[in-house]
Amino acid sequence: MRCYMFKDKKMIRFGLWLFAFLSVIQFTIGYIKGYYKSSTGNELLISETWKTVLLDVPKGILVILGAIALYQFTKKTPEKTASM
């Protein structure tokens, strides 16, 4: 039985792009919160709706893409029988 890595490279590229996008968003939010607190002394409150839209939804999509990629990675193809 053979196990092929990934046949759909577009999905892998999209997942990596989404991961990089999430990292940039998280860094930007943390940076803005830190800058706001150091300059004003107050906490910056970000709406739960925006946190959900910017972070939680893409994380869910990334988890689903990871599950699909794992399934494709572990899926075994039937061996061709050699005819004599």
PDB file of N, CA and C in Angstrom:
ATOM      1  N   MET A   1       0.843  -1.183   0.000  1.00  0.00           N
ATOM      2  CA  MET A   1       0.000   0.000   0.000  1.00  0.00           C
ATOM      3  C   MET A   1       0.884   1.241   0.000  1.00  0.00           C
ATOM      4  N   ARG A   2       0.504   2.182  -0.825  1.00  0.00           N
ATOM      5  CA  ARG A   2       1.270   3.418  -0.919  1.00  0.00           C
ATOM      6  C   ARG A   2       0.476   4.555  -0.291  1.00  0.00           C
ATOM      7  N   CYS A   3       1.192   5.463   0.274  1.00  0.00           N
ATOM      8  CA  CYS A   3       0.562   6.642   0.867  1.00  0.00           C
ATOM      9  C   CYS A   3       1.116   7.870   0.156  1.00  0.00           C
ATOM     10  N   TYR A   4       0.281   8.551  -0.574  1.00  0.00           N
ATOM     11  CA  TYR A   4       0.717   9.743  -1.286  1.00  0.00           C
ATOM     12  C   TYR A   4       0.648  10.937  -0.350  1.00  0.00           C
ATOM     13  N   MET A   5       1.607  11.823  -0.493  1.00  0.00           N
ATOM     14  CA  MET A   5       1.633  12.997   0.393  1.00  0.00           C
ATOM     15  C   MET A   5       0.357  13.825   0.225  1.00  0.00           C
ATOM     16  N   PHE A   6       0.370  14.758  -0.649  1.00  0.00           N
ATOM     17  CA  PHE A   6      -0.797  15.604  -0.857  1.00  0.00           C
ATOM     18  C   PHE A   6      -0.974  15.818  -2.346  1.00  0.00           C
ATOM     19  N   LYS A   7      -2.154  15.577  -2.811  1.00  0.00           N
ATOM     20  CA  LYS A   7      -2.422  15.777  -4.229  1.00  0.00           C
ATOM     21  C   LYS A   7      -2.896  17.197  -4.505  1.00  0.00           C
ATOM     22  N   ASP A   8      -3.501  17.820  -3.527  1.00  0.00           N
ATOM     23  CA  ASP A   8      -4.068  19.151  -3.729  1.00  0.00           C
ATOM     24  C   ASP A   8      -3.155  20.198  -3.089  1.00  0.00           C
ATOM     25  N   LYS A   9      -2.222  20.705  -3.866  1.00  0.00           N
ATOM     26  CA  LYS A   9      -1.256  21.683  -3.345  1.00  0.00           C
ATOM     27  C   LYS A   9      -1.903  23.039  -3.071  1.00  0.00           C
ATOM     28  N   LYS A  10      -3.004  23.353  -3.764  1.00  0.00           N
ATOM     29  CA  LYS A  10      -3.678  24.635  -3.538  1.00  0.00           C
ATOM     30  C   LYS A  10      -4.199  24.725  -2.110  1.00  0.00           C
ATOM     31  N   MET A  11      -4.700  23.615  -1.586  1.00  0.00           N
ATOM     32  CA  MET A  11      -5.222  23.612  -0.229  1.00  0.00           C
ATOM     33  C   MET A  11      -4.090  23.859   0.772  1.00  0.00           C
ATOM     34  N   ILE A  12      -2.931  23.266   0.530  1.00  0.00           N
ATOM     35  CA  ILE A  12      -1.795  23.465   1.422  1.00  0.00           C
ATOM     36  C   ILE A  12      -1.346  24.926   1.376  1.00  0.00           C
ATOM     37  N   ARG A  13      -1.266  25.495   0.179  1.00  0.00           N
ATOM     38  CA  ARG A  13      -0.876  26.901   0.050  1.00  0.00           C
ATOM     39  C   ARG A  13      -1.873  27.812   0.757  1.00  0.00           C
ATOM     40  N   PHE A  14      -3.160  27.528   0.599  1.00  0.00           N
ATOM     41  CA  PHE A  14      -4.182  28.343   1.251  1.00  0.00           C
ATOM     42  C   PHE A  14      -4.068  28.231   2.769  1.00  0.00           C
ATOM     43  N   GLY A  15      -3.828  27.024   3.272  1.00  0.00           N
ATOM     44  CA  GLY A  15      -3.669  26.832   4.711  1.00  0.00           C
ATOM     45  C   GLY A  15      -2.465  27.585   5.261  1.00  0.00           C
ATOM     46  N   LEU A  16      -1.353  27.553   4.534  1.00  0.00           N
ATOM     47  CA  LEU A  16      -0.170  28.292   4.973  1.00  0.00           C
ATOM     48  C   LEU A  16      -0.406  29.798   4.923  1.00  0.00           C
ATOM     49  N   TRP A  17      -1.099  30.256   3.870  1.00  0.00           N
ATOM     50  CA  TRP A  17      -1.429  31.676   3.767  1.00  0.00           C
ATOM     51  C   TRP A  17      -2.331  32.091   4.929  1.00  0.00           C
ATOM     52  N   LEU A  18      -3.307  31.246   5.253  1.00  0.00           N
ATOM     53  CA  LEU A  18      -4.232  31.549   6.345  1.00  0.00           C
ATOM     54  C   LEU A  18      -3.500  31.588   7.683  1.00  0.00           C
ATOM     55  N   PHE A  19      -2.559  30.660   7.888  1.00  0.00           N
ATOM     56  CA  PHE A  19      -1.775  30.643   9.119  1.00  0.00           C
ATOM     57  C   PHE A  19      -0.938  31.920   9.245  1.00  0.00           C
ATOM     58  N   ALA A  20      -0.297  32.330   8.158  1.00  0.00           N
ATOM     59  CA  ALA A  20       0.503  33.560   8.184  1.00  0.00           C
ATOM     60  C   ALA A  20      -0.390  34.769   8.444  1.00  0.00           C
ATOM     61  N   PHE A  21      -1.559  34.793   7.818  1.00  0.00           N
ATOM     62  CA  PHE A  21      -2.510  35.886   8.018  1.00  0.00           C
ATOM     63  C   PHE A  21      -2.937  35.963   9.483  1.00  0.00           C
ATOM     64  N   LEU A  22      -3.238  34.819  10.093  1.00  0.00           N
ATOM     65  CA  LEU A  22      -3.634  34.803  11.504  1.00  0.00           C
ATOM     66  C   LEU A  22      -2.506  35.292  12.401  1.00  0.00           C
ATOM     67  N   SER A  23      -1.291  34.889  12.096  1.00  0.00           N
ATOM     68  CA  SER A  23      -0.146  35.329  12.896  1.00  0.00           C
ATOM     69  C   SER A  23       0.022  36.837  12.824  1.00  0.00           C
ATOM     70  N   VAL A  24      -0.121  37.402  11.633  1.00  0.00           N
ATOM     71  CA  VAL A  24       0.001  38.854  11.471  1.00  0.00           C
ATOM     72  C   VAL A  24      -1.117  39.575  12.214  1.00  0.00           C
ATOM     73  N   ILE A  25      -2.342  39.066  12.124  1.00  0.00           N
ATOM     74  CA  ILE A  25      -3.475  39.696  12.816  1.00  0.00           C
ATOM     75  C   ILE A  25      -3.265  39.658  14.329  1.00  0.00           C
ATOM     76  N   GLN A  26      -2.847  38.500  14.860  1.00  0.00           N
ATOM     77  CA  GLN A  26      -2.626  38.399  16.303  1.00  0.00           C
ATOM     78  C   GLN A  26      -1.509  39.335  16.753  1.00  0.00           C
ATOM     79  N   PHE A  27      -0.428  39.398  15.984  1.00  0.00           N
ATOM     80  CA  PHE A  27       0.667  40.297  16.331  1.00  0.00           C
ATOM     81  C   PHE A  27       0.205  41.751  16.306  1.00  0.00           C
ATOM     82  N   THR A  28      -0.545  42.125  15.285  1.00  0.00           N
ATOM     83  CA  THR A  28      -1.014  43.505  15.152  1.00  0.00           C
ATOM     84  C   THR A  28      -1.931  43.891  16.304  1.00  0.00           C
ATOM     85  N   ILE A  29      -2.847  43.006  16.663  1.00  0.00           N
ATOM     86  CA  ILE A  29      -3.750  43.291  17.787  1.00  0.00           C
ATOM     87  C   ILE A  29      -2.954  43.444  19.078  1.00  0.00           C
ATOM     88  N   GLY A  30      -2.010  42.541  19.321  1.00  0.00           N
ATOM     89  CA  GLY A  30      -1.185  42.638  20.522  1.00  0.00           C
ATOM     90  C   GLY A  30      -0.343  43.902  20.554  1.00  0.00           C
ATOM     91  N   TYR A  31       0.205  44.263  19.404  1.00  0.00           N
ATOM     92  CA  TYR A  31       1.028  45.477  19.318  1.00  0.00           C
ATOM     93  C   TYR A  31       0.198  46.724  19.588  1.00  0.00           C
ATOM     94  N   ILE A  32      -0.970  46.796  18.979  1.00  0.00           N
ATOM     95  CA  ILE A  32      -1.836  47.966  19.177  1.00  0.00           C
ATOM     96  C   ILE A  32      -2.296  48.057  20.628  1.00  0.00           C
ATOM     97  N   LYS A  33      -2.649  46.918  21.225  1.00  0.00           N
ATOM     98  CA  LYS A  33      -3.067  46.933  22.634  1.00  0.00           C
ATOM     99  C   LYS A  33      -1.927  47.403  23.541  1.00  0.00           C
ATOM    100  N   GLY A  34      -0.725  46.890  23.288  1.00  0.00           N
ATOM    101  CA  GLY A  34       0.427  47.298  24.093  1.00  0.00           C
ATOM    102  C   GLY A  34       0.769  48.762  23.921  1.00  0.00           C
ATOM    103  N   TYR A  35       0.731  49.240  22.695  1.00  0.00           N
ATOM    104  CA  TYR A  35       1.018  50.652  22.427  1.00  0.00           C
ATOM    105  C   TYR A  35      -0.026  51.550  23.081  1.00  0.00           C
ATOM    106  N   TYR A  36      -1.280  51.173  22.977  1.00  0.00           N
ATOM    107  CA  TYR A  36      -2.360  51.977  23.563  1.00  0.00           C
ATOM    108  C   TYR A  36      -2.223  52.031  25.083  1.00  0.00           C
ATOM    109  N   LYS A  37      -1.892  50.881  25.691  1.00  0.00           N
ATOM    110  CA  LYS A  37      -1.765  50.844  27.149  1.00  0.00           C
ATOM    111  C   LYS A  37      -0.560  51.660  27.609  1.00  0.00           C
ATOM    112  N   SER A  38       0.552  51.579  26.878  1.00  0.00           N
ATOM    113  CA  SER A  38       1.736  52.334  27.299  1.00  0.00           C
ATOM    114  C   SER A  38       1.565  53.835  27.096  1.00  0.00           C
ATOM    115  N   SER A  39       0.801  54.232  26.094  1.00  0.00           N
ATOM    116  CA  SER A  39       0.653  55.670  25.845  1.00  0.00           C
ATOM    117  C   SER A  39      -0.451  56.305  26.684  1.00  0.00           C
ATOM    118  N   THR A  40      -1.516  55.567  26.980  1.00  0.00           N
ATOM    119  CA  THR A  40      -2.625  56.160  27.736  1.00  0.00           C
ATOM    120  C   THR A  40      -2.763  55.600  29.143  1.00  0.00           C
ATOM    121  N   GLY A  41      -2.234  54.422  29.381  1.00  0.00           N
ATOM    122  CA  GLY A  41      -2.386  53.796  30.686  1.00  0.00           C
ATOM    123  C   GLY A  41      -3.681  53.025  30.830  1.00  0.00           C
ATOM    124  N   ASN A  42      -4.509  53.016  29.804  1.00  0.00           N
ATOM    125  CA  ASN A  42      -5.787  52.306  29.836  1.00  0.00           C
ATOM    126  C   ASN A  42      -5.723  51.077  28.935  1.00  0.00           C
ATOM    127  N   GLU A  43      -6.573  50.123  29.256  1.00  0.00           N
ATOM    128  CA  GLU A  43      -6.673  48.926  28.410  1.00  0.00           C
ATOM    129  C   GLU A  43      -7.512  49.229  27.179  1.00  0.00           C
ATOM    130  N   LEU A  44      -7.113  48.702  26.062  1.00  0.00           N
ATOM    131  CA  LEU A  44      -7.892  48.819  24.832  1.00  0.00           C
ATOM    132  C   LEU A  44      -8.844  47.633  24.766  1.00  0.00           C
ATOM    133  N   LEU A  45     -10.127  47.922  24.686  1.00  0.00           N
ATOM    134  CA  LEU A  45     -11.121  46.864  24.613  1.00  0.00           C
ATOM    135  C   LEU A  45     -11.488  46.613  23.160  1.00  0.00           C
ATOM    136  N   ILE A  46     -11.333  45.375  22.756  1.00  0.00           N
ATOM    137  CA  ILE A  46     -11.704  44.982  21.396  1.00  0.00           C
ATOM    138  C   ILE A  46     -12.967  44.145  21.501  1.00  0.00           C
ATOM    139  N   SER A  47     -13.922  44.467  20.690  1.00  0.00           N
ATOM    140  CA  SER A  47     -15.209  43.789  20.705  1.00  0.00           C
ATOM    141  C   SER A  47     -15.037  42.291  20.464  1.00  0.00           C
ATOM    142  N   GLU A  48     -15.846  41.494  21.147  1.00  0.00           N
ATOM    143  CA  GLU A  48     -15.814  40.042  20.947  1.00  0.00           C
ATOM    144  C   GLU A  48     -16.191  39.671  19.520  1.00  0.00           C
ATOM    145  N   THR A  49     -17.045  40.480  18.912  1.00  0.00           N
ATOM    146  CA  THR A  49     -17.430  40.215  17.524  1.00  0.00           C
ATOM    147  C   THR A  49     -16.217  40.306  16.613  1.00  0.00           C
ATOM    148  N   TRP A  50     -15.394  41.340  16.795  1.00  0.00           N
ATOM    149  CA  TRP A  50     -14.206  41.493  15.955  1.00  0.00           C
ATOM    150  C   TRP A  50     -13.193  40.396  16.221  1.00  0.00           C
ATOM    151  N   LYS A  51     -13.053  39.992  17.487  1.00  0.00           N
ATOM    152  CA  LYS A  51     -12.140  38.885  17.793  1.00  0.00           C
ATOM    153  C   LYS A  51     -12.607  37.611  17.104  1.00  0.00           C
ATOM    154  N   THR A  52     -13.921  37.391  17.111  1.00  0.00           N
ATOM    155  CA  THR A  52     -14.466  36.204  16.458  1.00  0.00           C
ATOM    156  C   THR A  52     -14.228  36.246  14.960  1.00  0.00           C
ATOM    157  N   VAL A  53     -14.512  37.389  14.350  1.00  0.00           N
ATOM    158  CA  VAL A  53     -14.367  37.509  12.896  1.00  0.00           C
ATOM    159  C   VAL A  53     -12.906  37.417  12.477  1.00  0.00           C
ATOM    160  N   LEU A  54     -12.018  38.087  13.208  1.00  0.00           N
ATOM    161  CA  LEU A  54     -10.619  38.157  12.794  1.00  0.00           C
ATOM    162  C   LEU A  54      -9.798  36.940  13.183  1.00  0.00           C
ATOM    163  N   LEU A  55     -10.155  36.269  14.284  1.00  0.00           N
ATOM    164  CA  LEU A  55      -9.306  35.183  14.764  1.00  0.00           C
ATOM    165  C   LEU A  55      -9.996  33.824  14.808  1.00  0.00           C
ATOM    166  N   ASP A  56     -11.174  33.749  15.396  1.00  0.00           N
ATOM    167  CA  ASP A  56     -11.794  32.451  15.633  1.00  0.00           C
ATOM    168  C   ASP A  56     -12.287  31.776  14.361  1.00  0.00           C
ATOM    169  N   VAL A  57     -12.915  32.536  13.479  1.00  0.00           N
ATOM    170  CA  VAL A  57     -13.418  31.941  12.232  1.00  0.00           C
ATOM    171  C   VAL A  57     -12.266  31.421  11.371  1.00  0.00           C
ATOM    172  N   PRO A  58     -11.203  32.220  11.127  1.00  0.00           N
ATOM    173  CA  PRO A  58     -10.089  31.664  10.348  1.00  0.00           C
ATOM    174  C   PRO A  58      -9.407  30.477  11.023  1.00  0.00           C
ATOM    175  N   LYS A  59      -9.357  30.474  12.361  1.00  0.00           N
ATOM    176  CA  LYS A  59      -8.772  29.321  13.056  1.00  0.00           C
ATOM    177  C   LYS A  59      -9.605  28.071  12.812  1.00  0.00           C
ATOM    178  N   GLY A  60     -10.927  28.220  12.823  1.00  0.00           N
ATOM    179  CA  GLY A  60     -11.798  27.084  12.528  1.00  0.00           C
ATOM    180  C   GLY A  60     -11.584  26.557  11.123  1.00  0.00           C
ATOM    181  N   ILE A  61     -11.442  27.477  10.168  1.00  0.00           N
ATOM    182  CA  ILE A  61     -11.179  27.064   8.788  1.00  0.00           C
ATOM    183  C   ILE A  61      -9.840  26.347   8.702  1.00  0.00           C
ATOM    184  N   LEU A  62      -8.839  26.857   9.420  1.00  0.00           N
ATOM    185  CA  LEU A  62      -7.521  26.230   9.414  1.00  0.00           C
ATOM    186  C   LEU A  62      -7.569  24.826  10.006  1.00  0.00           C
ATOM    187  N   VAL A  63      -8.356  24.629  11.047  1.00  0.00           N
ATOM    188  CA  VAL A  63      -8.505  23.298  11.642  1.00  0.00           C
ATOM    189  C   VAL A  63      -9.165  22.339  10.655  1.00  0.00           C
ATOM    190  N   ILE A  64     -10.188  22.809   9.960  1.00  0.00           N
ATOM    191  CA  ILE A  64     -10.860  21.959   8.969  1.00  0.00           C
ATOM    192  C   ILE A  64      -9.904  21.601   7.838  1.00  0.00           C
ATOM    193  N   LEU A  65      -9.140  22.580   7.345  1.00  0.00           N
ATOM    194  CA  LEU A  65      -8.159  22.294   6.295  1.00  0.00           C
ATOM    195  C   LEU A  65      -7.102  21.309   6.776  1.00  0.00           C
ATOM    196  N   GLY A  66      -6.688  21.444   8.027  1.00  0.00           N
ATOM    197  CA  GLY A  66      -5.720  20.501   8.586  1.00  0.00           C
ATOM    198  C   GLY A  66      -6.285  19.096   8.675  1.00  0.00           C
ATOM    199  N   ALA A  67      -7.560  18.984   9.041  1.00  0.00           N
ATOM    200  CA  ALA A  67      -8.191  17.663   9.108  1.00  0.00           C
ATOM    201  C   ALA A  67      -8.293  17.033   7.724  1.00  0.00           C
ATOM    202  N   ILE A  68      -8.637  17.837   6.724  1.00  0.00           N
ATOM    203  CA  ILE A  68      -8.717  17.319   5.351  1.00  0.00           C
ATOM    204  C   ILE A  68      -7.339  16.890   4.871  1.00  0.00           C
ATOM    205  N   ALA A  69      -6.318  17.701   5.159  1.00  0.00           N
ATOM    206  CA  ALA A  69      -4.957  17.355   4.747  1.00  0.00           C
ATOM    207  C   ALA A  69      -4.488  16.084   5.439  1.00  0.00           C
ATOM    208  N   LEU A  70      -4.813  15.934   6.721  1.00  0.00           N
ATOM    209  CA  LEU A  70      -4.429  14.721   7.443  1.00  0.00           C
ATOM    210  C   LEU A  70      -5.129  13.504   6.865  1.00  0.00           C
ATOM    211  N   TYR A  71      -6.394  13.655   6.516  1.00  0.00           N
ATOM    212  CA  TYR A  71      -7.126  12.552   5.895  1.00  0.00           C
ATOM    213  C   TYR A  71      -6.487  12.167   4.563  1.00  0.00           C
ATOM    214  N   GLN A  72      -6.149  13.165   3.754  1.00  0.00           N
ATOM    215  CA  GLN A  72      -5.518  12.868   2.473  1.00  0.00           C
ATOM    216  C   GLN A  72      -4.154  12.228   2.661  1.00  0.00           C
ATOM    217  N   PHE A  73      -3.438  12.633   3.696  1.00  0.00           N
ATOM    218  CA  PHE A  73      -2.114  12.083   3.955  1.00  0.00           C
ATOM    219  C   PHE A  73      -2.187  10.621   4.371  1.00  0.00           C
ATOM    220  N   THR A  74      -3.201  10.280   5.162  1.00  0.00           N
ATOM    221  CA  THR A  74      -3.288   8.916   5.681  1.00  0.00           C
ATOM    222  C   THR A  74      -4.106   7.994   4.793  1.00  0.00           C
ATOM    223  N   LYS A  75      -4.796   8.550   3.799  1.00  0.00           N
ATOM    224  CA  LYS A  75      -5.613   7.723   2.913  1.00  0.00           C
ATOM    225  C   LYS A  75      -4.695   6.839   2.076  1.00  0.00           C
ATOM    226  N   LYS A  76      -5.023   5.579   2.023  1.00  0.00           N
ATOM    227  CA  LYS A  76      -4.206   4.638   1.268  1.00  0.00           C
ATOM    228  C   LYS A  76      -4.913   4.294  -0.024  1.00  0.00           C
ATOM    229  N   THR A  77      -4.133   4.211  -1.066  1.00  0.00           N
ATOM    230  CA  THR A  77      -4.700   3.840  -2.353  1.00  0.00           C
ATOM    231  C   THR A  77      -4.524   2.347  -2.552  1.00  0.00           C
ATOM    232  N   PRO A  78      -5.489   1.699  -3.178  1.00  0.00           N
ATOM    233  CA  PRO A  78      -5.355   0.261  -3.396  1.00  0.00           C
ATOM    234  C   PRO A  78      -4.234  -0.020  -4.393  1.00  0.00           C
ATOM    235  N   GLU A  79      -3.494  -1.063  -4.079  1.00  0.00           N
ATOM    236  CA  GLU A  79      -2.400  -1.445  -4.975  1.00  0.00           C
ATOM    237  C   GLU A  79      -2.960  -2.101  -6.221  1.00  0.00           C
ATOM    238  N   LYS A  80      -2.287  -1.854  -7.309  1.00  0.00           N
ATOM    239  CA  LYS A  80      -2.685  -2.508  -8.550  1.00  0.00           C
ATOM    240  C   LYS A  80      -2.111  -3.920  -8.537  1.00  0.00           C
ATOM    241  N   THR A  81      -2.947  -4.855  -8.894  1.00  0.00           N
ATOM    242  CA  THR A  81      -2.465  -6.235  -8.932  1.00  0.00           C
ATOM    243  C   THR A  81      -1.750  -6.469 -10.253  1.00  0.00           C
ATOM    244  N   ALA A  82      -0.642  -7.113 -10.167  1.00  0.00           N
ATOM    245  CA  ALA A  82       0.142  -7.401 -11.375  1.00  0.00           C
ATOM    246  C   ALA A  82      -0.461  -8.620 -12.058  1.00  0.00           C
ATOM    247  N   SER A  83      -0.791  -8.448 -13.308  1.00  0.00           N
ATOM    248  CA  SER A  83      -1.352  -9.583 -14.049  1.00  0.00           C
ATOM    249  C   SER A  83      -0.219 -10.391 -14.656  1.00  0.00           C
ATOM    250  N   MET A  84      -0.370 -11.702 -14.605  1.00  0.00           N
ATOM    251  CA  MET A  84       0.681 -12.581 -15.101  1.00  0.00           C
ATOM    252  C   MET A  84       0.398 -13.039 -16.484  1.00  0.00           C
TER     253      MET A  84
END
